[in-house]
Amino acid sequence: MDKQRILIVEDEEKIARLLELELTYEGYETGKALDGLDGLSMFREQEWDLILLDVMLPGLSGIEVLRRIRSSETGVPIILLTAKDSVEDKVSGLDLGANDYITKPFQIEELLARIRAALRLPRQNNTDRSEQDWLQFSDLKLSKATREVYRGNDLIELTPREFELLAHLMNNARHVLNREQLLDGVWGYDYFGDTNVVDVYIRYLRNKIDKPYASPLIHTVRGVGYVLKDAK
């Protein structure tokens, strides 16, 4: 059985190291990030079973990291690590989709119990969530769980970046998105490359999901950006 993987996003190095040691001892595989930007990057680059997320982080706050993770439609369990008096952060975090929170300083036994409880939830809810794992627009369907894409009955092969771009467009169907919004949503807050990369990947997507079919779904709004909508 593969080890369950936990991402620790915590800027206090002593706490992060303690968590890393304790979780490793309990049989988990861990990754560690010391600021919000690195944490978000590690989340996007690898698969995780659970995230321990400190609220007070440099670079990007834990609440903002949480918001961006949940905007990507992932159901990965997230436990917030909060300061004793940060009631507002706890409420904001739960409203944004955190599964649980624990207040510092905490007993490691309590945290481990909360981790075990949170890791059980996705397995219990997989059947209920199966329908939510699909996005659909017109005759285009995308599975967030299996990463399959269909146009009608045709299975379409996409690269990971093409998939993320299409998912972002489908999550924002009929809304015009400019290049900066697409860069932020797909490439990430910390991307500093040329915005022309958006145009390149839009062209790749069009060649696969529009060009072979009668009705194009990705449309250019001149001077603004792109939108997923029915051709009318």
Protein backbone atom coordinates (compact mmCIF):
# COMPACT_ATOMS: atom_id res chain seq x y z
CA MET A 1 0.00 0.00 0.00
CA ASP A 2 1.39 3.41 -0.98
CA LYS A 3 2.11 5.86 1.80
CA GLN A 4 -0.32 8.76 2.15
CA ARG A 5 1.31 12.08 1.26
CA ILE A 6 0.97 15.20 3.40
CA LEU A 7 2.13 18.68 2.37
CA ILE A 8 3.23 20.90 5.28
CA VAL A 9 3.05 24.64 4.55
CA GLU A 10 4.47 26.35 7.64
CA ASP A 11 6.95 29.24 7.87
CA GLU A 12 8.20 28.51 11.41
CA GLU A 13 11.03 26.12 10.62
CA LYS A 14 11.05 24.43 14.03
CA ILE A 15 7.34 23.63 13.82
CA ALA A 16 7.64 22.51 10.19
CA ARG A 17 10.55 20.21 11.07
CA LEU A 18 8.71 18.79 14.09
CA LEU A 19 5.67 18.03 11.94
CA GLU A 20 7.87 16.48 9.29
CA LEU A 21 9.53 14.15 11.83
CA GLU A 22 6.31 13.16 13.59
CA LEU A 23 4.41 12.47 10.37
CA THR A 24 7.29 10.49 8.91
CA TYR A 25 7.42 8.42 12.12
CA GLU A 26 3.67 7.76 11.75
CA GLY A 27 4.25 6.37 8.26
CA TYR A 28 3.27 9.33 6.10
CA GLU A 29 5.31 10.70 3.22
CA THR A 30 5.80 14.46 3.58
CA GLY A 31 6.70 17.57 1.64
CA LYS A 32 7.53 20.93 3.21
CA ALA A 33 7.16 24.55 2.10
CA LEU A 34 8.12 27.57 4.20
CA ASP A 35 6.01 30.21 2.42
CA GLY A 36 2.71 30.47 0.61
CA LEU A 37 4.07 30.72 -2.92
CA ASP A 38 6.22 27.60 -2.55
CA GLY A 39 3.32 25.78 -0.94
CA LEU A 40 0.99 26.62 -3.82
CA SER A 41 3.66 25.60 -6.33
CA MET A 42 4.22 22.25 -4.59
CA PHE A 43 0.47 21.64 -4.47
CA ARG A 44 0.22 22.19 -8.23
CA GLU A 45 3.24 20.09 -9.14
CA GLN A 46 2.47 16.96 -7.10
CA GLU A 47 -0.40 14.85 -5.78
CA TRP A 48 -1.18 15.15 -2.05
CA ASP A 49 -3.59 13.33 0.24
CA LEU A 50 -3.79 16.16 2.79
CA ILE A 51 -2.41 19.66 3.37
CA LEU A 52 -1.43 21.21 6.70
CA LEU A 53 -1.65 24.93 6.02
CA ASP A 54 -0.51 27.71 8.35
CA VAL A 55 -2.67 30.83 8.08
CA MET A 56 0.12 33.38 8.67
CA LEU A 57 2.57 32.87 5.81
CA PRO A 58 5.02 35.13 3.96
CA GLY A 59 4.66 35.54 0.20
CA LEU A 60 1.00 34.53 0.08
CA SER A 61 -1.28 34.14 3.09
CA GLY A 62 -2.64 30.73 4.05
CA ILE A 63 -6.19 31.97 3.40
CA GLU A 64 -5.21 33.03 -0.13
CA VAL A 65 -3.44 29.70 -0.74
CA LEU A 66 -6.62 27.93 0.43
CA ARG A 67 -8.77 30.04 -1.89
CA ARG A 68 -6.58 29.23 -4.90
CA ILE A 69 -6.48 25.52 -4.10
CA ARG A 70 -10.27 25.35 -3.79
CA SER A 71 -10.74 27.38 -7.00
CA SER A 72 -8.99 24.52 -8.81
CA GLU A 73 -11.90 22.25 -7.81
CA THR A 74 -9.77 19.85 -5.83
CA GLY A 75 -11.21 18.09 -2.80
CA VAL A 76 -7.88 17.47 -1.06
CA PRO A 77 -8.43 17.72 2.72
CA ILE A 78 -6.94 20.86 4.26
CA ILE A 79 -6.32 21.47 7.97
CA LEU A 80 -5.50 25.05 8.94
CA LEU A 81 -2.92 25.82 11.61
CA THR A 82 -4.13 29.02 13.31
CA ALA A 83 -3.07 31.41 16.06
CA LYS A 84 -4.99 31.25 19.33
CA ASP A 85 -7.05 34.41 18.82
CA SER A 86 -7.57 34.31 15.03
CA VAL A 87 -11.32 33.65 15.05
CA GLU A 88 -11.77 35.59 11.81
CA ASP A 89 -9.20 33.40 10.03
CA LYS A 90 -10.91 30.25 11.27
CA VAL A 91 -14.29 31.41 9.99
CA SER A 92 -12.84 32.58 6.66
CA GLY A 93 -10.96 29.31 6.25
CA LEU A 94 -13.99 27.13 6.90
CA ASP A 95 -16.11 29.27 4.58
CA LEU A 96 -13.49 28.82 1.83
CA GLY A 97 -13.54 25.05 2.19
CA ALA A 98 -11.01 24.10 4.87
CA ASN A 99 -11.92 20.75 6.41
CA ASP A 100 -10.71 21.55 9.92
CA TYR A 101 -8.43 23.80 11.94
CA ILE A 102 -6.22 23.36 14.97
CA THR A 103 -4.96 26.15 17.21
CA LYS A 104 -1.30 26.65 18.07
CA PRO A 105 0.21 25.47 20.32
CA PHE A 106 -1.28 22.01 19.79
CA GLN A 107 -0.68 18.50 21.04
CA ILE A 108 0.72 16.30 18.28
CA GLU A 109 -1.66 13.48 19.30
CA GLU A 110 -4.66 15.72 18.67
CA LEU A 111 -3.32 16.82 15.28
CA LEU A 112 -2.68 13.20 14.27
CA ALA A 113 -6.26 12.31 15.22
CA ARG A 114 -7.61 15.17 13.12
CA ILE A 115 -5.42 14.11 10.20
CA ARG A 116 -6.73 10.54 10.40
CA ALA A 117 -10.31 11.84 10.48
CA ALA A 118 -9.78 14.17 7.52
CA LEU A 119 -8.10 11.44 5.46
CA ARG A 120 -11.14 9.19 5.94
CA LEU A 121 -13.58 11.75 4.51
CA PRO A 122 -12.68 11.62 0.79
CA ARG A 123 -12.93 7.83 0.70
CA GLN A 124 -16.38 7.97 2.27
CA ASN A 125 -17.56 10.68 -0.08
CA ASN A 126 -16.09 9.49 -3.39
CA THR A 127 -19.38 8.02 -4.63
CA ASP A 128 -21.33 11.13 -3.67
CA ARG A 129 -18.77 13.35 -5.36
CA SER A 130 -18.49 11.38 -8.61
CA GLU A 131 -20.99 13.57 -10.43
CA GLN A 132 -19.27 16.72 -9.17
CA ASP A 133 -16.01 15.51 -10.68
CA TRP A 134 -17.33 16.29 -14.19
CA LEU A 135 -17.54 19.69 -15.82
CA GLN A 136 -19.75 20.00 -18.89
CA PHE A 137 -20.33 22.76 -21.40
CA SER A 138 -22.25 22.16 -24.63
CA ASP A 139 -20.97 18.77 -25.92
CA LEU A 140 -17.64 19.18 -24.07
CA LYS A 141 -17.08 17.13 -20.89
CA LEU A 142 -14.09 17.13 -18.56
CA SER A 143 -13.44 14.82 -15.61
CA LYS A 144 -11.44 16.35 -12.77
CA ALA A 145 -10.93 12.91 -11.23
CA THR A 146 -9.70 10.93 -14.24
CA ARG A 147 -8.54 13.97 -16.29
CA GLU A 148 -10.43 12.70 -19.33
CA VAL A 149 -11.87 15.14 -21.88
CA TYR A 150 -14.60 14.34 -24.39
CA ARG A 151 -16.06 16.35 -27.26
CA GLY A 152 -19.24 14.47 -28.04
CA ASN A 153 -18.15 10.81 -27.93
CA ASP A 154 -14.54 11.56 -28.91
CA LEU A 155 -11.85 11.21 -26.24
CA ILE A 156 -9.38 14.09 -26.57
CA GLU A 157 -5.79 13.80 -25.34
CA LEU A 158 -4.52 16.94 -23.60
CA THR A 159 -1.23 17.77 -21.92
CA PRO A 160 -1.45 18.66 -18.19
CA ARG A 161 -1.23 22.41 -18.92
CA GLU A 162 -3.83 22.23 -21.70
CA PHE A 163 -6.12 20.35 -19.30
CA GLU A 164 -5.73 23.00 -16.58
CA LEU A 165 -6.40 25.80 -19.07
CA LEU A 166 -9.53 24.10 -20.38
CA ALA A 167 -10.77 23.38 -16.84
CA HIS A 168 -10.29 27.05 -15.95
CA LEU A 169 -12.22 28.16 -19.02
CA MET A 170 -15.02 25.70 -18.22
CA ASN A 171 -15.18 26.86 -14.61
CA ASN A 172 -15.65 30.38 -15.97
CA ALA A 173 -17.84 29.54 -18.98
CA ARG A 174 -19.42 32.57 -20.70
CA HIS A 175 -17.14 34.92 -18.71
CA VAL A 176 -14.46 36.76 -20.66
CA LEU A 177 -11.03 36.22 -19.09
CA ASN A 178 -8.03 38.39 -19.92
CA ARG A 179 -4.51 36.99 -20.24
CA GLU A 180 -3.52 38.02 -16.71
CA GLN A 181 -6.52 36.19 -15.23
CA LEU A 182 -5.68 33.07 -17.21
CA LEU A 183 -2.02 33.25 -16.22
CA ASP A 184 -2.95 33.62 -12.57
CA GLY A 185 -5.50 30.80 -12.64
CA VAL A 186 -3.45 28.29 -14.66
CA TRP A 187 0.24 29.18 -14.40
CA GLY A 188 0.06 30.67 -10.92
CA TYR A 189 0.58 33.88 -9.02
CA ASP A 190 4.35 33.55 -9.16
CA TYR A 191 4.63 33.18 -12.96
CA PHE A 192 6.75 35.97 -14.44
CA GLY A 193 7.02 34.82 -18.06
CA ASP A 194 5.57 36.30 -21.23
CA THR A 195 1.75 36.57 -21.35
CA ASN A 196 1.96 35.31 -24.95
CA VAL A 197 2.15 31.80 -23.48
CA VAL A 198 -1.64 32.08 -23.03
CA ASP A 199 -2.14 32.66 -26.77
CA VAL A 200 0.10 29.70 -27.58
CA TYR A 201 -1.87 27.31 -25.35
CA ILE A 202 -5.22 28.65 -26.53
CA ARG A 203 -4.09 27.76 -30.06
CA TYR A 204 -3.09 24.26 -28.91
CA LEU A 205 -6.52 23.79 -27.31
CA ARG A 206 -8.39 25.07 -30.36
CA ASN A 207 -6.55 22.63 -32.59
CA LYS A 208 -7.81 19.76 -30.42
CA ILE A 209 -11.30 20.72 -29.23
CA ASP A 210 -12.50 23.21 -31.87
CA LYS A 211 -10.79 22.73 -35.24
CA PRO A 212 -12.07 19.18 -35.93
CA TYR A 213 -15.67 20.16 -35.06
CA ALA A 214 -18.40 22.28 -36.64
CA SER A 215 -19.07 24.57 -33.66
CA PRO A 216 -16.11 26.34 -32.05
CA LEU A 217 -16.37 26.91 -28.30
CA ILE A 218 -13.28 29.05 -27.54
CA HIS A 219 -13.75 32.61 -28.77
CA THR A 220 -11.44 35.62 -28.87
CA VAL A 221 -12.72 38.92 -27.54
CA ARG A 222 -10.47 41.39 -29.30
CA GLY A 223 -8.50 43.65 -26.99
CA VAL A 224 -9.69 41.73 -23.91
CA GLY A 225 -9.05 37.98 -23.89
CA TYR A 226 -10.89 34.69 -24.36
CA VAL A 227 -14.24 33.16 -23.48
CA LEU A 228 -15.78 29.69 -23.63
CA LYS A 229 -19.26 30.02 -25.12
CA ASP A 230 -21.58 28.55 -27.74
CA ALA A 231 -21.16 29.82 -31.28
CA LYS A 232 -24.06 32.14 -32.12
